[in-house]
Amino acid sequence: MPYYLLLSRSITHAQRMSALLERAGITARFSRPPMGLTDRSCGYAVHIGAERLTAALDCLRAGGLWPSKIFYYSGGAYSEVII
């Protein structure tokens, strides 16, 4: 099942993004990102369904929170999304 990973610089940032999205009705769980997606293995990621990206980014922009990078997962591989 395809999904997006919204990378954040810290656990606090990921928690805030996740909470903001959840309040907007967008399912968003946070966790450590897979190895290789971040430099120095630091950071956290918020997982959202592929169909919710536009609504999630609109919500995050309005809330003053923005991911450091965005990755799309499909078919067993990640690809970076440039917005």
N, C-alpha and C. Protein backbone atom coordinates (compact mmCIF):
# COMPACT_ATOMS: atom_id res chain seq x y z
N MET A 1 0.85 -1.18 0.00
CA MET A 1 0.00 0.00 0.00
C MET A 1 0.90 1.25 0.00
N PRO A 2 0.74 2.12 -0.97
CA PRO A 2 1.58 3.33 -1.04
C PRO A 2 1.28 4.31 0.10
N TYR A 3 2.32 5.01 0.51
CA TYR A 3 2.16 6.03 1.54
C TYR A 3 3.28 7.06 1.41
N TYR A 4 3.16 8.13 2.18
CA TYR A 4 4.18 9.17 2.21
C TYR A 4 4.82 9.21 3.59
N LEU A 5 6.11 9.54 3.61
CA LEU A 5 6.84 9.79 4.84
C LEU A 5 7.22 11.26 4.85
N LEU A 6 6.80 11.95 5.88
CA LEU A 6 7.16 13.36 6.06
C LEU A 6 8.26 13.39 7.12
N LEU A 7 9.47 13.69 6.72
CA LEU A 7 10.60 13.67 7.65
C LEU A 7 10.64 14.95 8.47
N SER A 8 11.06 14.79 9.70
CA SER A 8 11.20 15.93 10.61
C SER A 8 12.58 15.90 11.25
N ARG A 9 12.98 17.01 11.78
CA ARG A 9 14.32 17.12 12.36
C ARG A 9 14.40 16.58 13.79
N SER A 10 13.26 16.42 14.46
CA SER A 10 13.28 15.95 15.84
C SER A 10 11.99 15.23 16.19
N ILE A 11 12.02 14.52 17.29
CA ILE A 11 10.81 13.83 17.74
C ILE A 11 9.71 14.83 18.09
N THR A 12 10.09 15.96 18.68
CA THR A 12 9.09 16.97 19.04
C THR A 12 8.39 17.51 17.79
N HIS A 13 9.15 17.78 16.76
CA HIS A 13 8.58 18.28 15.50
C HIS A 13 7.64 17.23 14.90
N ALA A 14 8.05 15.96 14.91
CA ALA A 14 7.21 14.88 14.39
C ALA A 14 5.93 14.74 15.20
N GLN A 15 6.05 14.83 16.52
CA GLN A 15 4.87 14.73 17.38
C GLN A 15 3.90 15.87 17.10
N ARG A 16 4.42 17.07 16.92
CA ARG A 16 3.55 18.22 16.63
C ARG A 16 2.87 18.08 15.27
N MET A 17 3.63 17.62 14.26
CA MET A 17 3.02 17.40 12.94
C MET A 17 1.93 16.34 13.03
N SER A 18 2.23 15.24 13.70
CA SER A 18 1.27 14.15 13.83
C SER A 18 0.00 14.62 14.56
N ALA A 19 0.17 15.34 15.65
CA ALA A 19 -0.99 15.81 16.42
C ALA A 19 -1.84 16.78 15.61
N LEU A 20 -1.19 17.68 14.88
CA LEU A 20 -1.93 18.64 14.04
C LEU A 20 -2.73 17.91 12.97
N LEU A 21 -2.12 16.93 12.33
CA LEU A 21 -2.81 16.18 11.29
C LEU A 21 -3.95 15.35 11.87
N GLU A 22 -3.73 14.73 13.01
CA GLU A 22 -4.79 13.94 13.65
C GLU A 22 -5.99 14.81 14.01
N ARG A 23 -5.73 16.03 14.51
CA ARG A 23 -6.83 16.94 14.83
C ARG A 23 -7.62 17.34 13.58
N ALA A 24 -6.95 17.32 12.43
CA ALA A 24 -7.61 17.65 11.17
C ALA A 24 -8.28 16.42 10.54
N GLY A 25 -8.22 15.29 11.23
CA GLY A 25 -8.87 14.08 10.72
C GLY A 25 -8.01 13.26 9.77
N ILE A 26 -6.71 13.51 9.75
CA ILE A 26 -5.79 12.79 8.87
C ILE A 26 -4.97 11.83 9.74
N THR A 27 -5.11 10.55 9.49
CA THR A 27 -4.36 9.56 10.25
C THR A 27 -2.87 9.75 10.00
N ALA A 28 -2.11 9.94 11.06
CA ALA A 28 -0.68 10.22 10.94
C ALA A 28 0.05 9.66 12.15
N ARG A 29 0.86 8.64 11.91
CA ARG A 29 1.65 8.09 13.01
C ARG A 29 3.11 8.43 12.78
N PHE A 30 3.84 8.60 13.86
CA PHE A 30 5.24 8.94 13.70
C PHE A 30 6.13 7.80 14.20
N SER A 31 7.32 7.72 13.62
CA SER A 31 8.28 6.68 13.97
C SER A 31 9.65 7.09 13.45
N ARG A 32 10.63 6.25 13.67
CA ARG A 32 11.95 6.47 13.08
C ARG A 32 11.86 6.14 11.60
N PRO A 33 12.52 6.89 10.74
CA PRO A 33 12.50 6.57 9.32
C PRO A 33 13.42 5.39 9.01
N PRO A 34 13.21 4.73 7.89
CA PRO A 34 14.10 3.64 7.50
C PRO A 34 15.54 4.15 7.31
N MET A 35 16.49 3.28 7.59
CA MET A 35 17.90 3.63 7.39
C MET A 35 18.12 4.05 5.93
N GLY A 36 18.93 5.04 5.74
CA GLY A 36 19.26 5.48 4.39
C GLY A 36 18.46 6.67 3.92
N LEU A 37 17.35 6.98 4.57
CA LEU A 37 16.54 8.13 4.15
C LEU A 37 17.00 9.42 4.81
N THR A 38 17.73 9.30 5.90
CA THR A 38 18.22 10.50 6.58
C THR A 38 19.73 10.42 6.70
N ASP A 39 20.36 11.55 6.78
CA ASP A 39 21.79 11.56 7.00
C ASP A 39 22.07 11.39 8.50
N ARG A 40 23.07 10.63 8.83
CA ARG A 40 23.48 10.37 10.21
C ARG A 40 22.40 9.66 11.04
N SER A 41 21.45 9.02 10.41
CA SER A 41 20.43 8.23 11.11
C SER A 41 19.65 9.03 12.16
N CYS A 42 19.48 10.31 11.94
CA CYS A 42 18.72 11.09 12.92
C CYS A 42 17.40 11.54 12.29
N GLY A 43 16.49 11.95 13.12
CA GLY A 43 15.21 12.43 12.66
C GLY A 43 14.10 11.42 12.89
N TYR A 44 12.92 11.87 12.57
CA TYR A 44 11.71 11.05 12.70
C TYR A 44 10.86 11.26 11.47
N ALA A 45 9.88 10.39 11.28
CA ALA A 45 9.02 10.47 10.11
C ALA A 45 7.56 10.34 10.53
N VAL A 46 6.71 11.04 9.81
CA VAL A 46 5.26 10.93 10.00
C VAL A 46 4.71 10.22 8.77
N HIS A 47 3.99 9.13 8.98
CA HIS A 47 3.42 8.33 7.89
C HIS A 47 2.00 8.81 7.61
N ILE A 48 1.71 9.06 6.34
CA ILE A 48 0.33 9.39 5.95
C ILE A 48 -0.03 8.61 4.70
N GLY A 49 -1.31 8.37 4.53
CA GLY A 49 -1.79 7.66 3.35
C GLY A 49 -1.55 8.45 2.08
N ALA A 50 -1.33 7.75 0.99
CA ALA A 50 -1.00 8.40 -0.28
C ALA A 50 -2.08 9.37 -0.74
N GLU A 51 -3.32 9.07 -0.44
CA GLU A 51 -4.43 9.92 -0.89
C GLU A 51 -4.58 11.21 -0.08
N ARG A 52 -3.84 11.34 1.01
CA ARG A 52 -4.02 12.49 1.90
C ARG A 52 -2.90 13.53 1.84
N LEU A 53 -1.98 13.40 0.91
CA LEU A 53 -0.81 14.30 0.89
C LEU A 53 -1.20 15.76 0.75
N THR A 54 -2.03 16.11 -0.20
CA THR A 54 -2.39 17.51 -0.41
C THR A 54 -3.04 18.11 0.82
N ALA A 55 -4.01 17.40 1.40
CA ALA A 55 -4.68 17.90 2.60
C ALA A 55 -3.70 18.01 3.76
N ALA A 56 -2.79 17.05 3.89
CA ALA A 56 -1.81 17.08 4.98
C ALA A 56 -0.87 18.27 4.83
N LEU A 57 -0.38 18.51 3.64
CA LEU A 57 0.54 19.64 3.44
C LEU A 57 -0.16 20.98 3.65
N ASP A 58 -1.41 21.07 3.22
CA ASP A 58 -2.18 22.30 3.47
C ASP A 58 -2.33 22.54 4.97
N CYS A 59 -2.64 21.48 5.70
CA CYS A 59 -2.81 21.57 7.15
C CYS A 59 -1.50 21.97 7.83
N LEU A 60 -0.41 21.34 7.44
CA LEU A 60 0.89 21.64 8.05
C LEU A 60 1.33 23.07 7.73
N ARG A 61 1.10 23.49 6.51
CA ARG A 61 1.46 24.87 6.13
C ARG A 61 0.67 25.87 6.98
N ALA A 62 -0.62 25.63 7.13
CA ALA A 62 -1.46 26.52 7.93
C ALA A 62 -1.04 26.52 9.40
N GLY A 63 -0.54 25.39 9.88
CA GLY A 63 -0.12 25.29 11.27
C GLY A 63 1.32 25.71 11.52
N GLY A 64 2.02 26.13 10.48
CA GLY A 64 3.40 26.59 10.64
C GLY A 64 4.41 25.47 10.84
N LEU A 65 4.05 24.26 10.45
CA LEU A 65 4.96 23.12 10.54
C LEU A 65 5.21 22.57 9.14
N TRP A 66 6.46 22.29 8.82
CA TRP A 66 6.76 21.79 7.49
C TRP A 66 7.80 20.69 7.60
N PRO A 67 7.64 19.61 6.85
CA PRO A 67 8.63 18.53 6.90
C PRO A 67 9.94 18.94 6.25
N SER A 68 11.04 18.34 6.68
CA SER A 68 12.33 18.66 6.08
C SER A 68 12.48 17.98 4.71
N LYS A 69 11.90 16.80 4.56
CA LYS A 69 11.88 16.09 3.28
C LYS A 69 10.60 15.26 3.22
N ILE A 70 10.22 14.90 2.00
CA ILE A 70 9.04 14.06 1.79
C ILE A 70 9.44 12.91 0.89
N PHE A 71 9.06 11.69 1.28
CA PHE A 71 9.33 10.51 0.47
C PHE A 71 8.02 9.78 0.19
N TYR A 72 7.94 9.20 -1.02
CA TYR A 72 6.80 8.39 -1.44
C TYR A 72 7.25 6.95 -1.45
N TYR A 73 6.47 6.06 -0.85
CA TYR A 73 6.79 4.64 -0.82
C TYR A 73 5.78 3.88 -1.65
N SER A 74 6.28 3.12 -2.61
CA SER A 74 5.42 2.27 -3.44
C SER A 74 6.28 1.19 -4.08
N GLY A 75 5.76 0.01 -4.17
CA GLY A 75 6.47 -1.08 -4.83
C GLY A 75 7.79 -1.46 -4.18
N GLY A 76 7.91 -1.24 -2.87
CA GLY A 76 9.12 -1.62 -2.16
C GLY A 76 10.25 -0.63 -2.23
N ALA A 77 9.99 0.56 -2.78
CA ALA A 77 11.07 1.56 -2.90
C ALA A 77 10.57 2.95 -2.51
N TYR A 78 11.50 3.76 -2.02
CA TYR A 78 11.21 5.15 -1.65
C TYR A 78 11.75 6.08 -2.74
N SER A 79 11.00 7.14 -3.00
CA SER A 79 11.50 8.17 -3.91
C SER A 79 11.18 9.52 -3.27
N GLU A 80 12.16 10.43 -3.34
CA GLU A 80 11.97 11.74 -2.75
C GLU A 80 11.02 12.59 -3.59
N VAL A 81 10.15 13.30 -2.91
CA VAL A 81 9.17 14.17 -3.55
C VAL A 81 9.66 15.60 -3.39
N ILE A 82 9.75 16.31 -4.49
CA ILE A 82 10.17 17.71 -4.46
C ILE A 82 8.91 18.57 -4.61
N ILE A 83 8.66 19.42 -3.63
CA ILE A 83 7.45 20.26 -3.66
C ILE A 83 7.88 21.71 -3.76
